Structures are given as structure tokens and as C-alpha cells.
Amino acid sequence: MKNESNDKCGANRERYVDIKKVSRYTSLPVKTIYDWSNQGKFPCIKYGRRILFDIQDVDKAMANLKQPYLQCEKTVNKIIGDLHGNGI
């Protein structure tokens, strides 16, 4: 039996995992992961009725979803500027 504390810090981590483990790992709902795998955002391996995910691919996909701080700040400032410019 695996030591749960080792799994949390990355030791003894499995490389290929099922969708439930990806959901726990990413804190995303299972449905979102299914949708994203169908859209090609999360590469997966389909083997019969099973779907497996490579944790390294999941890490890369999540990294690609990150938005730089400055880009988020620019977007917020634009929205606020638009609201003030329209008299709202």
C-alpha cells in the first residue's frame, strides 16, 4: 500500500492515471476533464473503455492555461475603463 503523504509531495507518483485521479490532482470536475480531452486540451490515451492521462501532459496543459499576471491586469483595467467611459 502506498504512503499517502509521499503521493502529495510527488514521490512515488504514477505517470499514467485515470480521470478521477486527474480530477483530484487538478481540482477540476471530471466533466470538465472529459470535455477538455474531447477538445484536445488534455491529451489522453484511450484503451478500450478506459481513458488514461499522462501526468506530465496534464502539467503541460495546465501550464498552458495560465494567464500572465500583466495580461489579467490589462484585461481588468480595460473592463473598468469601459465601465467608467460608458457612465455605468
Protein backbone atom coordinates (compact mmCIF):
# COMPACT_ATOMS: atom_id res chain seq x y z
CA MET A 1 0.00 0.00 0.00
CA LYS A 2 1.28 3.46 -0.93
CA ASN A 3 2.14 6.08 1.62
CA GLU A 4 -0.38 8.89 1.07
CA SER A 5 1.97 11.61 2.33
CA ASN A 6 4.56 10.60 -0.29
CA ASP A 7 1.97 10.95 -3.07
CA LYS A 8 1.14 14.51 -2.07
CA CYS A 9 4.72 15.70 -2.34
CA GLY A 10 5.30 13.94 -5.67
CA ALA A 11 7.28 10.89 -4.56
CA ASN A 12 6.04 7.53 -5.86
CA ARG A 13 3.74 9.36 -8.27
CA GLU A 14 2.20 7.30 -11.03
CA ARG A 15 2.78 8.54 -14.55
CA TYR A 16 -0.48 7.33 -16.14
CA VAL A 17 -3.65 7.89 -14.14
CA ASP A 18 -7.40 7.65 -14.59
CA ILE A 19 -9.76 10.59 -14.81
CA LYS A 20 -10.68 10.57 -11.11
CA LYS A 21 -7.03 10.99 -10.12
CA VAL A 22 -6.62 13.79 -12.68
CA SER A 23 -9.68 15.46 -11.18
CA ARG A 24 -8.21 15.31 -7.68
CA TYR A 25 -4.78 16.37 -8.95
CA THR A 26 -6.07 19.44 -10.82
CA SER A 27 -9.13 20.23 -8.65
CA LEU A 28 -11.21 20.25 -11.85
CA PRO A 29 -14.55 18.45 -12.20
CA VAL A 30 -14.50 15.12 -14.04
CA LYS A 31 -16.91 16.52 -16.65
CA THR A 32 -14.52 19.37 -17.46
CA ILE A 33 -11.67 16.91 -17.96
CA TYR A 34 -13.84 14.78 -20.27
CA ASP A 35 -14.79 17.89 -22.24
CA TRP A 36 -11.21 19.13 -22.49
CA SER A 37 -9.92 15.71 -23.53
CA ASN A 38 -12.54 15.61 -26.31
CA GLN A 39 -11.45 19.12 -27.38
CA GLY A 40 -7.77 18.11 -27.38
CA LYS A 41 -6.78 20.38 -24.46
CA PHE A 42 -5.82 17.36 -22.33
CA PRO A 43 -4.09 14.61 -24.32
CA CYS A 44 -5.26 11.17 -23.27
CA ILE A 45 -4.80 7.51 -24.06
CA LYS A 46 -7.96 5.59 -24.86
CA TYR A 47 -7.63 1.89 -24.25
CA GLY A 48 -10.92 0.11 -24.76
CA ARG A 49 -13.31 1.78 -22.37
CA ARG A 50 -10.53 3.23 -20.22
CA ILE A 51 -9.08 6.68 -20.55
CA LEU A 52 -5.65 7.32 -19.09
CA PHE A 53 -3.80 10.59 -18.73
CA ASP A 54 -0.05 11.16 -18.61
CA ILE A 55 0.59 13.39 -15.59
CA GLN A 56 3.37 15.16 -17.49
CA ASP A 57 0.88 16.08 -20.24
CA VAL A 58 -1.61 17.26 -17.61
CA ASP A 59 1.07 19.50 -16.08
CA LYS A 60 1.89 20.96 -19.51
CA ALA A 61 -1.78 21.54 -20.34
CA MET A 62 -2.38 23.29 -17.02
CA ALA A 63 0.73 25.45 -17.55
CA ASN A 64 -0.62 26.47 -20.98
CA LEU A 65 -3.86 27.60 -19.34
CA LYS A 66 -2.07 30.00 -17.00
CA GLN A 67 -2.53 33.65 -17.81
CA PRO A 68 0.30 36.03 -17.11
CA TYR A 69 -0.41 38.47 -14.29
CA LEU A 70 0.07 41.51 -16.50
CA GLN A 71 -2.38 40.24 -19.12
CA CYS A 72 -5.05 39.73 -16.44
CA GLU A 73 -4.36 43.19 -15.04
CA LYS A 74 -4.68 44.76 -18.51
CA THR A 75 -8.00 42.98 -19.07
CA VAL A 76 -9.39 44.15 -15.71
CA ASN A 77 -8.24 47.71 -16.34
CA LYS A 78 -9.87 47.70 -19.78
CA ILE A 79 -13.17 46.46 -18.35
CA ILE A 80 -13.10 49.06 -15.59
CA GLY A 81 -12.18 51.79 -18.09
CA ASP A 82 -15.03 50.73 -20.37
CA LEU A 83 -17.47 50.83 -17.46
CA HIS A 84 -16.39 54.32 -16.42
CA GLY A 85 -16.29 55.54 -20.01
CA ASN A 86 -19.89 54.43 -20.59
CA GLY A 87 -21.15 56.21 -17.49
CA ILE A 88 -22.02 52.97 -15.71
